[in-house]
Amino acid sequence: MPNLLPPCAAGTEVEAGPVKLEEDWKSRQIDSEVSMLISKAHSGSKSTIDNLYKKAKRKVTENSRDNAQELTKVYTNNTSLVAILIATITFAAAFTLPGGYSSASGSEGLPIMSRKFAFQAFLVSDTLAMLSSLAVAFICILARWEDLEFLLYYRSFTKQLMWFAYMTTTTAFSTGLYTVLAPQLTCCNANIY
């Protein structure tokens, strides 16, 4: 059976689930449509059969591209919304630092916990979360250009960046809490023993 995918999608992996089922259905649709057209065509006219097959393949390919672009628009809207929310949260966390700012003379305006390792880990993870979520938001803006070849590959890349943003946001939250609560937890542990 000849390759029924569009040239730009040949050799790419297809996600499992509803997309795979839809592609199987489309493949069967092409086969049944071509079989129907071939049965109506004159048996001695090979060029007519080839033209019918190419026409059916072109029609299904155009429908597949339209469906892929529509699904990508929905994915892009949702992903860009979440990416902007994460960027907003991490931006706010960068200015409301754990422990607050010093008001002592000579070190006014500096973070109180700046020498602690957990605070430095908080800053690094918060910065990485913000940068990765902003990168996803920028890529989502590019995806609106509707270049099909770009759309085929950007979903996996944005998923990876979003998971990285989730993990680094979680790390920033954990290290921020630890920075503030660690002195109190040490006192509690000493009182228990």
C-alpha atoms as a PDB file:
ATOM      1  CA  MET A   1       0.000   0.000   0.000  1.00  0.00           C
ATOM      2  CA  PRO A   2       1.486   3.421  -0.878  1.00  0.00           C
ATOM      3  CA  ASN A   3       2.350   6.045   1.732  1.00  0.00           C
ATOM      4  CA  LEU A   4      -0.850   8.009   2.454  1.00  0.00           C
ATOM      5  CA  LEU A   5       0.631  10.667   4.746  1.00  0.00           C
ATOM      6  CA  PRO A   6       1.489  14.140   3.498  1.00  0.00           C
ATOM      7  CA  PRO A   7       5.155  14.523   2.472  1.00  0.00           C
ATOM      8  CA  CYS A   8       5.991  16.702   5.486  1.00  0.00           C
ATOM      9  CA  ALA A   9       4.608  14.075   7.919  1.00  0.00           C
ATOM     10  CA  ALA A  10       6.339  11.040   6.418  1.00  0.00           C
ATOM     11  CA  GLY A  11       8.664   9.457   8.953  1.00  0.00           C
ATOM     12  CA  THR A  12       7.236  11.293  11.967  1.00  0.00           C
ATOM     13  CA  GLU A  13       5.733   9.453  14.894  1.00  0.00           C
ATOM     14  CA  VAL A  14       2.021   9.817  15.465  1.00  0.00           C
ATOM     15  CA  GLU A  15       0.691  10.199  19.004  1.00  0.00           C
ATOM     16  CA  ALA A  16      -1.396   7.345  20.360  1.00  0.00           C
ATOM     17  CA  GLY A  17      -5.014   7.752  21.281  1.00  0.00           C
ATOM     18  CA  PRO A  18      -7.674   9.690  19.412  1.00  0.00           C
ATOM     19  CA  VAL A  19      -5.238  11.016  16.800  1.00  0.00           C
ATOM     20  CA  LYS A  20      -4.117   7.475  15.922  1.00  0.00           C
ATOM     21  CA  LEU A  21      -7.716   6.256  15.710  1.00  0.00           C
ATOM     22  CA  GLU A  22      -8.597   9.191  13.469  1.00  0.00           C
ATOM     23  CA  GLU A  23      -5.671   8.425  11.152  1.00  0.00           C
ATOM     24  CA  ASP A  24      -6.698   4.763  10.957  1.00  0.00           C
ATOM     25  CA  TRP A  25     -10.216   5.875  10.083  1.00  0.00           C
ATOM     26  CA  LYS A  26      -8.887   8.250   7.411  1.00  0.00           C
ATOM     27  CA  SER A  27      -6.744   5.484   5.941  1.00  0.00           C
ATOM     28  CA  ARG A  28      -9.772   3.219   5.697  1.00  0.00           C
ATOM     29  CA  GLN A  29     -11.762   6.127   4.246  1.00  0.00           C
ATOM     30  CA  ILE A  30      -9.184   6.599   1.489  1.00  0.00           C
ATOM     31  CA  ASP A  31      -9.150   2.885   0.736  1.00  0.00           C
ATOM     32  CA  SER A  32     -12.930   2.650   0.538  1.00  0.00           C
ATOM     33  CA  GLU A  33     -13.241   5.841  -1.505  1.00  0.00           C
ATOM     34  CA  VAL A  34     -10.534   4.719  -3.923  1.00  0.00           C
ATOM     35  CA  SER A  35     -12.091   1.244  -4.170  1.00  0.00           C
ATOM     36  CA  MET A  36     -15.466   2.766  -4.955  1.00  0.00           C
ATOM     37  CA  LEU A  37     -14.010   5.073  -7.610  1.00  0.00           C
ATOM     38  CA  ILE A  38     -11.957   2.253  -9.133  1.00  0.00           C
ATOM     39  CA  SER A  39     -15.021   0.036  -9.387  1.00  0.00           C
ATOM     40  CA  LYS A  40     -16.826   2.826 -11.276  1.00  0.00           C
ATOM     41  CA  ALA A  41     -13.877   3.485 -13.578  1.00  0.00           C
ATOM     42  CA  HIS A  42     -13.301   1.691 -16.846  1.00  0.00           C
ATOM     43  CA  SER A  43     -11.081  -1.331 -16.234  1.00  0.00           C
ATOM     44  CA  GLY A  44      -8.794  -0.582 -19.186  1.00  0.00           C
ATOM     45  CA  SER A  45      -8.013   2.993 -18.198  1.00  0.00           C
ATOM     46  CA  LYS A  46      -4.994   2.904 -15.886  1.00  0.00           C
ATOM     47  CA  SER A  47      -4.442   6.677 -16.073  1.00  0.00           C
ATOM     48  CA  THR A  48      -8.004   7.327 -14.873  1.00  0.00           C
ATOM     49  CA  ILE A  49      -7.495   5.031 -11.887  1.00  0.00           C
ATOM     50  CA  ASP A  50      -4.216   6.762 -11.007  1.00  0.00           C
ATOM     51  CA  ASN A  51      -5.868  10.175 -11.269  1.00  0.00           C
ATOM     52  CA  LEU A  52      -8.751   9.034  -9.061  1.00  0.00           C
ATOM     53  CA  TYR A  53      -6.307   7.751  -6.450  1.00  0.00           C
ATOM     54  CA  LYS A  54      -4.293  10.994  -6.497  1.00  0.00           C
ATOM     55  CA  LYS A  55      -7.470  13.055  -6.222  1.00  0.00           C
ATOM     56  CA  ALA A  56      -8.724  11.049  -3.228  1.00  0.00           C
ATOM     57  CA  LYS A  57      -5.309  11.209  -1.561  1.00  0.00           C
ATOM     58  CA  ARG A  58      -5.110  14.987  -2.078  1.00  0.00           C
ATOM     59  CA  LYS A  59      -8.606  15.462  -0.612  1.00  0.00           C
ATOM     60  CA  VAL A  60      -7.848  13.445   2.533  1.00  0.00           C
ATOM     61  CA  THR A  61      -4.459  15.140   2.933  1.00  0.00           C
ATOM     62  CA  GLU A  62      -6.071  18.588   2.819  1.00  0.00           C
ATOM     63  CA  ASN A  63      -8.681  17.497   5.377  1.00  0.00           C
ATOM     64  CA  SER A  64      -5.926  16.131   7.631  1.00  0.00           C
ATOM     65  CA  ARG A  65      -3.992  19.394   7.433  1.00  0.00           C
ATOM     66  CA  ASP A  66      -7.100  21.389   8.294  1.00  0.00           C
ATOM     67  CA  ASN A  67      -7.829  19.131  11.281  1.00  0.00           C
ATOM     68  CA  ALA A  68      -4.211  19.298  12.478  1.00  0.00           C
ATOM     69  CA  GLN A  69      -4.256  23.083  12.293  1.00  0.00           C
ATOM     70  CA  GLU A  70      -7.553  23.292  14.173  1.00  0.00           C
ATOM     71  CA  LEU A  71      -6.328  20.979  16.955  1.00  0.00           C
ATOM     72  CA  THR A  72      -3.075  22.916  17.125  1.00  0.00           C
ATOM     73  CA  LYS A  73      -4.955  26.190  17.578  1.00  0.00           C
ATOM     74  CA  VAL A  74      -6.810  24.782  20.584  1.00  0.00           C
ATOM     75  CA  TYR A  75      -3.583  23.328  22.026  1.00  0.00           C
ATOM     76  CA  THR A  76      -1.763  26.611  21.427  1.00  0.00           C
ATOM     77  CA  ASN A  77      -4.429  28.693  23.178  1.00  0.00           C
ATOM     78  CA  ASN A  78      -4.442  26.454  26.249  1.00  0.00           C
ATOM     79  CA  THR A  79      -0.668  26.097  26.431  1.00  0.00           C
ATOM     80  CA  SER A  80      -0.004  29.812  26.039  1.00  0.00           C
ATOM     81  CA  LEU A  81      -2.500  30.589  28.816  1.00  0.00           C
ATOM     82  CA  VAL A  82      -0.782  28.202  31.250  1.00  0.00           C
ATOM     83  CA  ALA A  83       2.678  29.443  30.231  1.00  0.00           C
ATOM     84  CA  ILE A  84       1.711  33.066  30.884  1.00  0.00           C
ATOM     85  CA  LEU A  85       0.238  32.111  34.279  1.00  0.00           C
ATOM     86  CA  ILE A  86       3.463  30.372  35.284  1.00  0.00           C
ATOM     87  CA  ALA A  87       5.510  33.340  34.085  1.00  0.00           C
ATOM     88  CA  THR A  88       3.318  35.677  36.142  1.00  0.00           C
ATOM     89  CA  ILE A  89       3.661  33.553  39.281  1.00  0.00           C
ATOM     90  CA  THR A  90       7.423  33.224  38.976  1.00  0.00           C
ATOM     91  CA  PHE A  91       7.818  36.931  38.215  1.00  0.00           C
ATOM     92  CA  ALA A  92       5.898  37.823  41.382  1.00  0.00           C
ATOM     93  CA  ALA A  93       7.914  35.304  43.422  1.00  0.00           C
ATOM     94  CA  ALA A  94      11.161  36.919  42.266  1.00  0.00           C
ATOM     95  CA  PHE A  95      10.147  40.245  43.840  1.00  0.00           C
ATOM     96  CA  THR A  96       8.526  38.885  46.997  1.00  0.00           C
ATOM     97  CA  LEU A  97      11.580  36.956  48.093  1.00  0.00           C
ATOM     98  CA  PRO A  98      11.397  34.454  50.963  1.00  0.00           C
ATOM     99  CA  GLY A  99      12.504  36.116  54.177  1.00  0.00           C
ATOM    100  CA  GLY A 100      11.981  39.621  52.812  1.00  0.00           C
ATOM    101  CA  TYR A 101      14.426  42.484  52.469  1.00  0.00           C
ATOM    102  CA  SER A 102      16.865  43.862  55.021  1.00  0.00           C
ATOM    103  CA  SER A 103      16.264  47.267  56.570  1.00  0.00           C
ATOM    104  CA  ALA A 104      19.559  47.381  58.482  1.00  0.00           C
ATOM    105  CA  SER A 105      21.913  50.223  57.587  1.00  0.00           C
ATOM    106  CA  GLY A 106      24.575  49.189  55.115  1.00  0.00           C
ATOM    107  CA  SER A 107      22.520  46.334  53.676  1.00  0.00           C
ATOM    108  CA  GLU A 108      19.235  48.101  53.000  1.00  0.00           C
ATOM    109  CA  GLY A 109      17.137  46.528  50.285  1.00  0.00           C
ATOM    110  CA  LEU A 110      19.184  43.319  50.082  1.00  0.00           C
ATOM    111  CA  PRO A 111      17.531  39.931  50.665  1.00  0.00           C
ATOM    112  CA  ILE A 112      17.881  38.778  54.254  1.00  0.00           C
ATOM    113  CA  MET A 113      18.515  35.120  53.362  1.00  0.00           C
ATOM    114  CA  SER A 114      20.812  35.748  50.391  1.00  0.00           C
ATOM    115  CA  ARG A 115      23.715  33.728  51.842  1.00  0.00           C
ATOM    116  CA  LYS A 116      21.692  30.532  52.348  1.00  0.00           C
ATOM    117  CA  PHE A 117      22.043  27.734  49.815  1.00  0.00           C
ATOM    118  CA  ALA A 118      18.278  27.078  49.764  1.00  0.00           C
ATOM    119  CA  PHE A 119      17.644  30.732  48.878  1.00  0.00           C
ATOM    120  CA  GLN A 120      20.123  30.555  45.991  1.00  0.00           C
ATOM    121  CA  ALA A 121      18.433  27.353  44.784  1.00  0.00           C
ATOM    122  CA  PHE A 122      15.109  29.218  44.972  1.00  0.00           C
ATOM    123  CA  LEU A 123      16.447  32.030  42.778  1.00  0.00           C
ATOM    124  CA  VAL A 124      17.902  29.648  40.182  1.00  0.00           C
ATOM    125  CA  SER A 125      14.786  27.465  39.936  1.00  0.00           C
ATOM    126  CA  ASP A 126      12.467  30.484  39.858  1.00  0.00           C
ATOM    127  CA  THR A 127      14.502  32.059  37.066  1.00  0.00           C
ATOM    128  CA  LEU A 128      14.549  28.825  35.046  1.00  0.00           C
ATOM    129  CA  ALA A 129      10.786  28.407  35.464  1.00  0.00           C
ATOM    130  CA  MET A 130      10.145  31.926  34.274  1.00  0.00           C
ATOM    131  CA  LEU A 131      12.465  31.661  31.277  1.00  0.00           C
ATOM    132  CA  SER A 132      11.080  28.314  30.123  1.00  0.00           C
ATOM    133  CA  SER A 133       7.455  29.457  30.438  1.00  0.00           C
ATOM    134  CA  LEU A 134       8.226  32.664  28.525  1.00  0.00           C
ATOM    135  CA  ALA A 135       9.922  30.569  25.836  1.00  0.00           C
ATOM    136  CA  VAL A 136       6.767  28.435  25.538  1.00  0.00           C
ATOM    137  CA  ALA A 137       4.624  31.573  25.252  1.00  0.00           C
ATOM    138  CA  PHE A 138       6.890  32.899  22.483  1.00  0.00           C
ATOM    139  CA  ILE A 139       6.793  29.582  20.617  1.00  0.00           C
ATOM    140  CA  CYS A 140       2.984  29.603  20.865  1.00  0.00           C
ATOM    141  CA  ILE A 141       2.972  33.024  19.218  1.00  0.00           C
ATOM    142  CA  LEU A 142       5.102  31.612  16.389  1.00  0.00           C
ATOM    143  CA  ALA A 143       2.746  28.635  16.011  1.00  0.00           C
ATOM    144  CA  ARG A 144      -0.074  30.970  15.023  1.00  0.00           C
ATOM    145  CA  TRP A 145       1.700  31.535  11.701  1.00  0.00           C
ATOM    146  CA  GLU A 146       0.265  28.160  10.622  1.00  0.00           C
ATOM    147  CA  ASP A 147       3.366  26.754   8.987  1.00  0.00           C
ATOM    148  CA  LEU A 148       2.421  23.063   8.888  1.00  0.00           C
ATOM    149  CA  GLU A 149       5.947  21.678   9.149  1.00  0.00           C
ATOM    150  CA  PHE A 150       6.589  23.836  12.219  1.00  0.00           C
ATOM    151  CA  LEU A 151       3.289  22.723  13.748  1.00  0.00           C
ATOM    152  CA  LEU A 152       4.215  19.053  13.406  1.00  0.00           C
ATOM    153  CA  TYR A 153       7.234  19.422  15.694  1.00  0.00           C
ATOM    154  CA  TYR A 154       6.474  22.240  18.084  1.00  0.00           C
ATOM    155  CA  ARG A 155       3.961  20.363  20.259  1.00  0.00           C
ATOM    156  CA  SER A 156       6.513  17.920  21.645  1.00  0.00           C
ATOM    157  CA  PHE A 157       9.008  20.733  22.259  1.00  0.00           C
ATOM    158  CA  THR A 158       6.480  22.897  24.099  1.00  0.00           C
ATOM    159  CA  LYS A 159       5.352  19.928  26.196  1.00  0.00           C
ATOM    160  CA  GLN A 160       8.933  19.322  27.308  1.00  0.00           C
ATOM    161  CA  LEU A 161       9.464  22.992  28.141  1.00  0.00           C
ATOM    162  CA  MET A 162       6.185  23.147  30.061  1.00  0.00           C
ATOM    163  CA  TRP A 163       7.110  20.103  32.141  1.00  0.00           C
ATOM    164  CA  PHE A 164      10.449  21.730  32.871  1.00  0.00           C
ATOM    165  CA  ALA A 165       8.602  24.891  33.949  1.00  0.00           C
ATOM    166  CA  TYR A 166       6.291  22.822  36.188  1.00  0.00           C
ATOM    167  CA  MET A 167       9.209  21.065  37.849  1.00  0.00           C
ATOM    168  CA  THR A 168      11.262  24.209  38.389  1.00  0.00           C
ATOM    169  CA  THR A 169       8.227  26.090  39.741  1.00  0.00           C
ATOM    170  CA  THR A 170       7.669  23.253  42.210  1.00  0.00           C
ATOM    171  CA  THR A 171      11.346  23.351  43.151  1.00  0.00           C
ATOM    172  CA  ALA A 172      11.195  27.126  43.642  1.00  0.00           C
ATOM    173  CA  PHE A 173       8.168  26.770  45.901  1.00  0.00           C
ATOM    174  CA  SER A 174       9.812  24.002  47.945  1.00  0.00           C
ATOM    175  CA  THR A 175      13.134  25.782  48.364  1.00  0.00           C
ATOM    176  CA  GLY A 176      11.351  29.053  49.221  1.00  0.00           C
ATOM    177  CA  LEU A 177       9.386  27.333  51.969  1.00  0.00           C
ATOM    178  CA  TYR A 178      12.471  25.563  53.237  1.00  0.00           C
ATOM    179  CA  THR A 179      14.411  28.836  53.323  1.00  0.00           C
ATOM    180  CA  VAL A 180      11.799  30.475  55.529  1.00  0.00           C
ATOM    181  CA  LEU A 181      10.825  27.488  57.672  1.00  0.00           C
ATOM    182  CA  ALA A 182      14.194  25.740  58.173  1.00  0.00           C
ATOM    183  CA  PRO A 183      15.202  27.733  61.289  1.00  0.00           C
ATOM    184  CA  GLN A 184      11.857  26.979  62.937  1.00  0.00           C
ATOM    185  CA  LEU A 185      12.031  23.289  61.998  1.00  0.00           C
ATOM    186  CA  THR A 186      15.502  22.987  63.590  1.00  0.00           C
ATOM    187  CA  CYS A 187      14.157  24.437  66.842  1.00  0.00           C
ATOM    188  CA  CYS A 188      11.213  22.035  66.821  1.00  0.00           C
ATOM    189  CA  ASN A 189      13.468  19.024  66.243  1.00  0.00           C
ATOM    190  CA  ALA A 190      15.717  20.072  69.128  1.00  0.00           C
ATOM    191  CA  ASN A 191      12.730  20.351  71.495  1.00  0.00           C
ATOM    192  CA  ILE A 192      11.424  16.883  70.558  1.00  0.00           C
ATOM    193  CA  TYR A 193      14.629  15.092  71.576  1.00  0.00           C
END
